[in-house]
Amino acid sequence: RHRNERAWMQDKEEEENRPQNTYSAFIQLLP
């Protein structure tokens, strides 16, 4: 149960961080 919960939380964190990573890439390419 807890292994599945940790995997779910990790996927959720990656999904939340994905827009931030896209934004960071955009900032780097802005110049």
PDB file of all heavy atoms in Angstrom:
ATOM      1  N   ARG A   1       0.823  -1.208   0.000  1.00  0.00           N
ATOM      2  CA  ARG A   1       0.000   0.000   0.000  1.00  0.00           C
ATOM      3  C   ARG A   1       0.860   1.262   0.000  1.00  0.00           C
ATOM      4  O   ARG A   1       0.649   2.174  -0.786  1.00  0.00           O
ATOM      5  CB  ARG A   1      -0.913   0.001   1.225  1.00  0.00           C
ATOM      6  CG  ARG A   1      -1.691   1.298   1.413  1.00  0.00           C
ATOM      7  CD  ARG A   1      -2.596   1.180   2.619  1.00  0.00           C
ATOM      8  NE  ARG A   1      -3.247   2.453   2.864  1.00  0.00           N
ATOM      9  CZ  ARG A   1      -2.767   3.398   3.640  1.00  0.00           C
ATOM     10  NH1 ARG A   1      -1.603   3.220   4.240  1.00  0.00           N
ATOM     11  NH2 ARG A   1      -3.419   4.531   3.828  1.00  0.00           N
ATOM     12  N   HIS A   2       1.869   1.274   0.869  1.00  0.00           N
ATOM     13  CA  HIS A   2       2.685   2.475   0.969  1.00  0.00           C
ATOM     14  C   HIS A   2       3.620   2.624  -0.212  1.00  0.00           C
ATOM     15  O   HIS A   2       3.945   3.740  -0.602  1.00  0.00           O
ATOM     16  CB  HIS A   2       3.466   2.464   2.287  1.00  0.00           C
ATOM     17  CG  HIS A   2       2.579   2.644   3.478  1.00  0.00           C
ATOM     18  ND1 HIS A   2       1.989   3.852   3.784  1.00  0.00           N
ATOM     19  CD2 HIS A   2       2.150   1.760   4.420  1.00  0.00           C
ATOM     20  CE1 HIS A   2       1.252   3.702   4.882  1.00  0.00           C
ATOM     21  NE2 HIS A   2       1.326   2.455   5.279  1.00  0.00           N
ATOM     22  N   ARG A   3       4.039   1.512  -0.803  1.00  0.00           N
ATOM     23  CA  ARG A   3       4.833   1.619  -2.014  1.00  0.00           C
ATOM     24  C   ARG A   3       4.013   2.241  -3.136  1.00  0.00           C
ATOM     25  O   ARG A   3       4.501   3.097  -3.889  1.00  0.00           O
ATOM     26  CB  ARG A   3       5.343   0.227  -2.422  1.00  0.00           C
ATOM     27  CG  ARG A   3       6.251   0.268  -3.649  1.00  0.00           C
ATOM     28  CD  ARG A   3       6.977  -1.052  -3.843  1.00  0.00           C
ATOM     29  NE  ARG A   3       6.053  -2.159  -4.000  1.00  0.00           N
ATOM     30  CZ  ARG A   3       5.910  -3.145  -3.125  1.00  0.00           C
ATOM     31  NH1 ARG A   3       6.632  -3.149  -2.025  1.00  0.00           N
ATOM     32  NH2 ARG A   3       5.046  -4.127  -3.338  1.00  0.00           N
ATOM     33  N   ASN A   4       2.752   1.839  -3.253  1.00  0.00           N
ATOM     34  CA  ASN A   4       1.881   2.428  -4.265  1.00  0.00           C
ATOM     35  C   ASN A   4       1.613   3.898  -3.986  1.00  0.00           C
ATOM     36  O   ASN A   4       1.555   4.722  -4.898  1.00  0.00           O
ATOM     37  CB  ASN A   4       0.554   1.658  -4.329  1.00  0.00           C
ATOM     38  CG  ASN A   4       0.747   0.242  -4.818  1.00  0.00           C
ATOM     39  OD1 ASN A   4       1.703  -0.041  -5.517  1.00  0.00           O
ATOM     40  ND2 ASN A   4      -0.168  -0.660  -4.463  1.00  0.00           N
ATOM     41  N   GLU A   5       1.426   4.226  -2.683  1.00  0.00           N
ATOM     42  CA  GLU A   5       1.181   5.627  -2.342  1.00  0.00           C
ATOM     43  C   GLU A   5       2.392   6.498  -2.659  1.00  0.00           C
ATOM     44  O   GLU A   5       2.263   7.600  -3.177  1.00  0.00           O
ATOM     45  CB  GLU A   5       0.839   5.752  -0.857  1.00  0.00           C
ATOM     46  CG  GLU A   5      -0.560   5.253  -0.506  1.00  0.00           C
ATOM     47  CD  GLU A   5      -0.865   5.453   0.974  1.00  0.00           C
ATOM     48  OE1 GLU A   5       0.052   5.859   1.711  1.00  0.00           O
ATOM     49  OE2 GLU A   5      -2.020   5.201   1.365  1.00  0.00           O
ATOM     50  N   ARG A   6       3.586   5.973  -2.367  1.00  0.00           N
ATOM     51  CA  ARG A   6       4.788   6.762  -2.670  1.00  0.00           C
ATOM     52  C   ARG A   6       4.940   6.962  -4.166  1.00  0.00           C
ATOM     53  O   ARG A   6       5.339   8.035  -4.628  1.00  0.00           O
ATOM     54  CB  ARG A   6       6.024   6.050  -2.103  1.00  0.00           C
ATOM     55  CG  ARG A   6       6.066   6.031  -0.574  1.00  0.00           C
ATOM     56  CD  ARG A   6       7.408   5.529  -0.070  1.00  0.00           C
ATOM     57  NE  ARG A   6       7.403   5.340   1.351  1.00  0.00           N
ATOM     58  CZ  ARG A   6       7.222   4.176   1.953  1.00  0.00           C
ATOM     59  NH1 ARG A   6       7.025   3.088   1.229  1.00  0.00           N
ATOM     60  NH2 ARG A   6       7.237   4.088   3.274  1.00  0.00           N
ATOM     61  N   ALA A   7       4.657   5.914  -4.951  1.00  0.00           N
ATOM     62  CA  ALA A   7       4.742   6.044  -6.405  1.00  0.00           C
ATOM     63  C   ALA A   7       3.739   7.073  -6.922  1.00  0.00           C
ATOM     64  O   ALA A   7       4.046   7.875  -7.815  1.00  0.00           O
ATOM     65  CB  ALA A   7       4.494   4.682  -7.068  1.00  0.00           C
ATOM     66  N   TRP A   8       2.531   7.046  -6.343  1.00  0.00           N
ATOM     67  CA  TRP A   8       1.506   8.018  -6.753  1.00  0.00           C
ATOM     68  C   TRP A   8       1.931   9.437  -6.416  1.00  0.00           C
ATOM     69  O   TRP A   8       1.775  10.355  -7.205  1.00  0.00           O
ATOM     70  CB  TRP A   8       0.194   7.668  -6.080  1.00  0.00           C
ATOM     71  CG  TRP A   8      -0.914   8.625  -6.424  1.00  0.00           C
ATOM     72  CD1 TRP A   8      -1.687   8.633  -7.547  1.00  0.00           C
ATOM     73  CD2 TRP A   8      -1.368   9.735  -5.643  1.00  0.00           C
ATOM     74  NE1 TRP A   8      -2.585   9.655  -7.519  1.00  0.00           N
ATOM     75  CE2 TRP A   8      -2.419  10.357  -6.359  1.00  0.00           C
ATOM     76  CE3 TRP A   8      -0.995  10.254  -4.414  1.00  0.00           C
ATOM     77  CZ2 TRP A   8      -3.084  11.474  -5.879  1.00  0.00           C
ATOM     78  CZ3 TRP A   8      -1.662  11.363  -3.934  1.00  0.00           C
ATOM     79  CH2 TRP A   8      -2.685  11.973  -4.656  1.00  0.00           C
ATOM     80  N   MET A   9       2.493   9.629  -5.203  1.00  0.00           N
ATOM     81  CA  MET A   9       2.942  10.958  -4.803  1.00  0.00           C
ATOM     82  C   MET A   9       4.090  11.435  -5.682  1.00  0.00           C
ATOM     83  O   MET A   9       4.178  12.606  -6.043  1.00  0.00           O
ATOM     84  CB  MET A   9       3.380  10.937  -3.334  1.00  0.00           C
ATOM     85  CG  MET A   9       2.238  10.781  -2.351  1.00  0.00           C
ATOM     86  SD  MET A   9       1.049  12.151  -2.429  1.00  0.00           S
ATOM     87  CE  MET A   9       2.098  13.508  -1.897  1.00  0.00           C
ATOM     88  N   GLN A  10       4.991  10.526  -6.057  1.00  0.00           N
ATOM     89  CA  GLN A  10       6.106  10.908  -6.915  1.00  0.00           C
ATOM     90  C   GLN A  10       5.608  11.345  -8.280  1.00  0.00           C
ATOM     91  O   GLN A  10       6.077  12.345  -8.840  1.00  0.00           O
ATOM     92  CB  GLN A  10       7.075   9.732  -7.052  1.00  0.00           C
ATOM     93  CG  GLN A  10       8.324  10.064  -7.861  1.00  0.00           C
ATOM     94  CD  GLN A  10       9.286   8.891  -7.906  1.00  0.00           C
ATOM     95  OE1 GLN A  10       9.008   7.831  -7.365  1.00  0.00           O
ATOM     96  NE2 GLN A  10      10.411   9.082  -8.553  1.00  0.00           N
ATOM     97  N   ASP A  11       4.643  10.594  -8.850  1.00  0.00           N
ATOM     98  CA  ASP A  11       4.074  10.986 -10.138  1.00  0.00           C
ATOM     99  C   ASP A  11       3.393  12.339 -10.039  1.00  0.00           C
ATOM    100  O   ASP A  11       3.479  13.164 -10.960  1.00  0.00           O
ATOM    101  CB  ASP A  11       3.059   9.932 -10.612  1.00  0.00           C
ATOM    102  CG  ASP A  11       3.737   8.615 -10.952  1.00  0.00           C
ATOM    103  OD1 ASP A  11       4.959   8.633 -11.160  1.00  0.00           O
ATOM    104  OD2 ASP A  11       3.041   7.585 -10.983  1.00  0.00           O
ATOM    105  N   LYS A  12       2.713  12.579  -8.912  1.00  0.00           N
ATOM    106  CA  LYS A  12       2.025  13.859  -8.736  1.00  0.00           C
ATOM    107  C   LYS A  12       3.015  15.008  -8.663  1.00  0.00           C
ATOM    108  O   LYS A  12       2.797  16.070  -9.256  1.00  0.00           O
ATOM    109  CB  LYS A  12       1.169  13.803  -7.463  1.00  0.00           C
ATOM    110  CG  LYS A  12       0.310  15.054  -7.257  1.00  0.00           C
ATOM    111  CD  LYS A  12      -0.582  14.903  -6.035  1.00  0.00           C
ATOM    112  CE  LYS A  12      -1.450  16.153  -5.846  1.00  0.00           C
ATOM    113  NZ  LYS A  12      -2.310  16.031  -4.664  1.00  0.00           N
ATOM    114  N   GLU A  13       4.127  14.788  -7.925  1.00  0.00           N
ATOM    115  CA  GLU A  13       5.140  15.836  -7.821  1.00  0.00           C
ATOM    116  C   GLU A  13       5.771  16.128  -9.177  1.00  0.00           C
ATOM    117  O   GLU A  13       6.017  17.275  -9.526  1.00  0.00           O
ATOM    118  CB  GLU A  13       6.222  15.409  -6.826  1.00  0.00           C
ATOM    119  CG  GLU A  13       5.734  15.398  -5.383  1.00  0.00           C
ATOM    120  CD  GLU A  13       6.810  14.899  -4.428  1.00  0.00           C
ATOM    121  OE1 GLU A  13       7.909  14.566  -4.920  1.00  0.00           O
ATOM    122  OE2 GLU A  13       6.555  14.855  -3.216  1.00  0.00           O
ATOM    123  N   GLU A  14       6.023  15.066  -9.963  1.00  0.00           N
ATOM    124  CA  GLU A  14       6.593  15.282 -11.287  1.00  0.00           C
ATOM    125  C   GLU A  14       5.638  16.063 -12.172  1.00  0.00           C
ATOM    126  O   GLU A  14       6.043  16.928 -12.944  1.00  0.00           O
ATOM    127  CB  GLU A  14       6.918  13.935 -11.932  1.00  0.00           C
ATOM    128  CG  GLU A  14       8.075  13.209 -11.260  1.00  0.00           C
ATOM    129  CD  GLU A  14       8.336  11.862 -11.887  1.00  0.00           C
ATOM    130  OE1 GLU A  14       7.558  11.473 -12.787  1.00  0.00           O
ATOM    131  OE2 GLU A  14       9.308  11.195 -11.475  1.00  0.00           O
ATOM    132  N   GLU A  15       4.347  15.752 -12.047  1.00  0.00           N
ATOM    133  CA  GLU A  15       3.348  16.467 -12.847  1.00  0.00           C
ATOM    134  C   GLU A  15       3.277  17.927 -12.448  1.00  0.00           C
ATOM    135  O   GLU A  15       3.133  18.821 -13.285  1.00  0.00           O
ATOM    136  CB  GLU A  15       1.985  15.805 -12.667  1.00  0.00           C
ATOM    137  CG  GLU A  15       0.886  16.427 -13.532  1.00  0.00           C
ATOM    138  CD  GLU A  15      -0.437  15.691 -13.385  1.00  0.00           C
ATOM    139  OE1 GLU A  15      -0.462  14.656 -12.687  1.00  0.00           O
ATOM    140  OE2 GLU A  15      -1.430  16.156 -13.953  1.00  0.00           O
ATOM    141  N   GLU A  16       3.401  18.197 -11.116  1.00  0.00           N
ATOM    142  CA  GLU A  16       3.379  19.584 -10.657  1.00  0.00           C
ATOM    143  C   GLU A  16       4.623  20.342 -11.072  1.00  0.00           C
ATOM    144  O   GLU A  16       4.570  21.536 -11.342  1.00  0.00           O
ATOM    145  CB  GLU A  16       3.241  19.619  -9.131  1.00  0.00           C
ATOM    146  CG  GLU A  16       1.882  19.127  -8.631  1.00  0.00           C
ATOM    147  CD  GLU A  16       1.816  19.095  -7.117  1.00  0.00           C
ATOM    148  OE1 GLU A  16       2.881  19.294  -6.479  1.00  0.00           O
ATOM    149  OE2 GLU A  16       0.730  18.864  -6.571  1.00  0.00           O
ATOM    150  N   ASN A  17       5.739  19.646 -11.136  1.00  0.00           N
ATOM    151  CA  ASN A  17       6.995  20.311 -11.482  1.00  0.00           C
ATOM    152  C   ASN A  17       7.158  20.500 -12.980  1.00  0.00           C
ATOM    153  O   ASN A  17       7.967  21.317 -13.409  1.00  0.00           O
ATOM    154  CB  ASN A  17       8.188  19.506 -10.959  1.00  0.00           C
ATOM    155  CG  ASN A  17       8.258  19.524  -9.449  1.00  0.00           C
ATOM    156  OD1 ASN A  17       7.773  20.461  -8.814  1.00  0.00           O
ATOM    157  ND2 ASN A  17       8.851  18.495  -8.863  1.00  0.00           N
ATOM    158  N   ARG A  18       6.386  19.776 -13.794  1.00  0.00           N
ATOM    159  CA  ARG A  18       6.549  19.858 -15.236  1.00  0.00           C
ATOM    160  C   ARG A  18       6.322  21.267 -15.785  1.00  0.00           C
ATOM    161  O   ARG A  18       7.132  21.761 -16.565  1.00  0.00           O
ATOM    162  CB  ARG A  18       5.625  18.846 -15.927  1.00  0.00           C
ATOM    163  CG  ARG A  18       5.944  18.638 -17.389  1.00  0.00           C
ATOM    164  CD  ARG A  18       5.150  17.479 -17.970  1.00  0.00           C
ATOM    165  NE  ARG A  18       5.499  16.224 -17.347  1.00  0.00           N
ATOM    166  CZ  ARG A  18       4.683  15.500 -16.619  1.00  0.00           C
ATOM    167  NH1 ARG A  18       3.444  15.885 -16.414  1.00  0.00           N
ATOM    168  NH2 ARG A  18       5.074  14.363 -16.090  1.00  0.00           N
ATOM    169  N   PRO A  19       5.233  21.973 -15.402  1.00  0.00           N
ATOM    170  CA  PRO A  19       5.078  23.354 -15.891  1.00  0.00           C
ATOM    171  C   PRO A  19       6.227  24.251 -15.457  1.00  0.00           C
ATOM    172  O   PRO A  19       6.661  25.117 -16.206  1.00  0.00           O
ATOM    173  CB  PRO A  19       3.745  23.788 -15.256  1.00  0.00           C
ATOM    174  CG  PRO A  19       3.026  22.518 -14.971  1.00  0.00           C
ATOM    175  CD  PRO A  19       4.099  21.531 -14.613  1.00  0.00           C
ATOM    176  N   GLN A  20       6.725  24.034 -14.242  1.00  0.00           N
ATOM    177  CA  GLN A  20       7.832  24.851 -13.766  1.00  0.00           C
ATOM    178  C   GLN A  20       9.076  24.602 -14.618  1.00  0.00           C
ATOM    179  O   GLN A  20       9.802  25.542 -14.952  1.00  0.00           O
ATOM    180  CB  GLN A  20       8.129  24.526 -12.305  1.00  0.00           C
ATOM    181  CG  GLN A  20       9.230  25.396 -11.695  1.00  0.00           C
ATOM    182  CD  GLN A  20       9.444  25.086 -10.240  1.00  0.00           C
ATOM    183  OE1 GLN A  20       8.751  24.240  -9.667  1.00  0.00           O
ATOM    184  NE2 GLN A  20      10.386  25.746  -9.629  1.00  0.00           N
ATOM    185  N   ASN A  21       9.336  23.328 -14.977  1.00  0.00           N
ATOM    186  CA  ASN A  21      10.477  23.034 -15.815  1.00  0.00           C
ATOM    187  C   ASN A  21      10.323  23.666 -17.186  1.00  0.00           C
ATOM    188  O   ASN A  21      11.287  24.153 -17.771  1.00  0.00           O
ATOM    189  CB  ASN A  21      10.645  21.517 -15.950  1.00  0.00           C
ATOM    190  CG  ASN A  21      11.012  20.865 -14.627  1.00  0.00           C
ATOM    191  OD1 ASN A  21      11.555  21.522 -13.750  1.00  0.00           O
ATOM    192  ND2 ASN A  21      10.709  19.589 -14.472  1.00  0.00           N
ATOM    193  N   THR A  22       9.106  23.649 -17.737  1.00  0.00           N
ATOM    194  CA  THR A  22       8.848  24.286 -19.020  1.00  0.00           C
ATOM    195  C   THR A  22       9.085  25.779 -18.927  1.00  0.00           C
ATOM    196  O   THR A  22       9.680  26.385 -19.830  1.00  0.00           O
ATOM    197  CB  THR A  22       7.399  23.999 -19.459  1.00  0.00           C
ATOM    198  OG1 THR A  22       7.186  22.583 -19.490  1.00  0.00           O
ATOM    199  CG2 THR A  22       7.135  24.592 -20.825  1.00  0.00           C
ATOM    200  N   TYR A  23       8.642  26.365 -17.835  1.00  0.00           N
ATOM    201  CA  TYR A  23       8.851  27.801 -17.645  1.00  0.00           C
ATOM    202  C   TYR A  23      10.339  28.121 -17.531  1.00  0.00           C
ATOM    203  O   TYR A  23      10.811  29.111 -18.103  1.00  0.00           O
ATOM    204  CB  TYR A  23       8.110  28.259 -16.388  1.00  0.00           C
ATOM    205  CG  TYR A  23       8.271  29.723 -16.071  1.00  0.00           C
ATOM    206  CD1 TYR A  23       7.589  30.693 -16.803  1.00  0.00           C
ATOM    207  CD2 TYR A  23       9.128  30.129 -15.051  1.00  0.00           C
ATOM    208  CE1 TYR A  23       7.742  32.033 -16.518  1.00  0.00           C
ATOM    209  CE2 TYR A  23       9.283  31.478 -14.757  1.00  0.00           C
ATOM    210  CZ  TYR A  23       8.589  32.427 -15.496  1.00  0.00           C
ATOM    211  OH  TYR A  23       8.751  33.757 -15.211  1.00  0.00           O
ATOM    212  N   SER A  24      11.089  27.293 -16.815  1.00  0.00           N
ATOM    213  CA  SER A  24      12.526  27.520 -16.674  1.00  0.00           C
ATOM    214  C   SER A  24      13.223  27.436 -18.027  1.00  0.00           C
ATOM    215  O   SER A  24      14.117  28.236 -18.332  1.00  0.00           O
ATOM    216  CB  SER A  24      13.120  26.499 -15.707  1.00  0.00           C
ATOM    217  OG  SER A  24      12.533  26.604 -14.434  1.00  0.00           O
ATOM    218  N   ALA A  25      12.810  26.455 -18.838  1.00  0.00           N
ATOM    219  CA  ALA A  25      13.404  26.333 -20.174  1.00  0.00           C
ATOM    220  C   ALA A  25      13.094  27.556 -21.024  1.00  0.00           C
ATOM    221  O   ALA A  25      13.945  28.044 -21.787  1.00  0.00           O
ATOM    222  CB  ALA A  25      12.882  25.065 -20.855  1.00  0.00           C
ATOM    223  N   PHE A  26      11.872  28.074 -20.890  1.00  0.00           N
ATOM    224  CA  PHE A  26      11.498  29.269 -21.643  1.00  0.00           C
ATOM    225  C   PHE A  26      12.346  30.461 -21.222  1.00  0.00           C
ATOM    226  O   PHE A  26      12.798  31.251 -22.064  1.00  0.00           O
ATOM    227  CB  PHE A  26      10.010  29.573 -21.422  1.00  0.00           C
ATOM    228  CG  PHE A  26       9.562  30.872 -22.039  1.00  0.00           C
ATOM    229  CD1 PHE A  26       9.346  30.981 -23.410  1.00  0.00           C
ATOM    230  CD2 PHE A  26       9.370  31.992 -21.246  1.00  0.00           C
ATOM    231  CE1 PHE A  26       8.951  32.179 -23.964  1.00  0.00           C
ATOM    232  CE2 PHE A  26       8.978  33.195 -21.802  1.00  0.00           C
ATOM    233  CZ  PHE A  26       8.766  33.282 -23.163  1.00  0.00           C
ATOM    234  N   ILE A  27      12.586  30.595 -19.907  1.00  0.00           N
ATOM    235  CA  ILE A  27      13.409  31.699 -19.403  1.00  0.00           C
ATOM    236  C   ILE A  27      14.826  31.607 -19.956  1.00  0.00           C
ATOM    237  O   ILE A  27      15.445  32.619 -20.322  1.00  0.00           O
ATOM    238  CB  ILE A  27      13.424  31.699 -17.863  1.00  0.00           C
ATOM    239  CG1 ILE A  27      12.025  32.047 -17.316  1.00  0.00           C
ATOM    240  CG2 ILE A  27      14.449  32.690 -17.338  1.00  0.00           C
ATOM    241  CD1 ILE A  27      11.531  33.422 -17.703  1.00  0.00           C
ATOM    242  N   GLN A  28      15.364  30.394 -20.041  1.00  0.00           N
ATOM    243  CA  GLN A  28      16.714  30.226 -20.556  1.00  0.00           C
ATOM    244  C   GLN A  28      16.803  30.571 -22.036  1.00  0.00           C
ATOM    245  O   GLN A  28      17.821  31.072 -22.499  1.00  0.00           O
ATOM    246  CB  GLN A  28      17.173  28.780 -20.316  1.00  0.00           C
ATOM    247  CG  GLN A  28      17.352  28.429 -18.833  1.00  0.00           C
ATOM    248  CD  GLN A  28      17.723  26.976 -18.625  1.00  0.00           C
ATOM    249  OE1 GLN A  28      17.786  26.205 -19.583  1.00  0.00           O
ATOM    250  NE2 GLN A  28      17.963  26.590 -17.378  1.00  0.00           N
ATOM    251  N   LEU A  29      15.742  30.263 -22.777  1.00  0.00           N
ATOM    252  CA  LEU A  29      15.745  30.541 -24.221  1.00  0.00           C
ATOM    253  C   LEU A  29      15.335  31.968 -24.541  1.00  0.00           C
ATOM    254  O   LEU A  29      15.464  32.398 -25.696  1.00  0.00           O
ATOM    255  CB  LEU A  29      14.802  29.562 -24.938  1.00  0.00           C
ATOM    256  CG  LEU A  29      15.232  28.097 -24.955  1.00  0.00           C
ATOM    257  CD1 LEU A  29      14.138  27.246 -25.597  1.00  0.00           C
ATOM    258  CD2 LEU A  29      16.532  27.927 -25.720  1.00  0.00           C
ATOM    259  N   LEU A  30      14.846  32.709 -23.565  1.00  0.00           N
ATOM    260  CA  LEU A  30      14.335  34.054 -23.819  1.00  0.00           C
ATOM    261  C   LEU A  30      15.369  34.977 -24.460  1.00  0.00           C
ATOM    262  O   LEU A  30      15.035  35.694 -25.420  1.00  0.00           O
ATOM    263  CB  LEU A  30      13.805  34.653 -22.505  1.00  0.00           C
ATOM    264  CG  LEU A  30      13.094  36.013 -22.642  1.00  0.00           C
ATOM    265  CD1 LEU A  30      11.899  35.889 -23.583  1.00  0.00           C
ATOM    266  CD2 LEU A  30      12.631  36.499 -21.268  1.00  0.00           C
ATOM    267  N   PRO A  31      16.633  35.025 -23.988  1.00  0.00           N
ATOM    268  CA  PRO A  31      17.605  35.915 -24.646  1.00  0.00           C
ATOM    269  C   PRO A  31      17.798  35.599 -26.123  1.00  0.00           C
ATOM    270  O   PRO A  31      17.915  36.509 -26.955  1.00  0.00           O
ATOM    271  CB  PRO A  31      18.894  35.652 -23.843  1.00  0.00           C
ATOM    272  CG  PRO A  31      18.430  35.168 -22.515  1.00  0.00           C
ATOM    273  CD  PRO A  31      17.199  34.376 -22.801  1.00  0.00           C
TER     274      PRO A  31
END
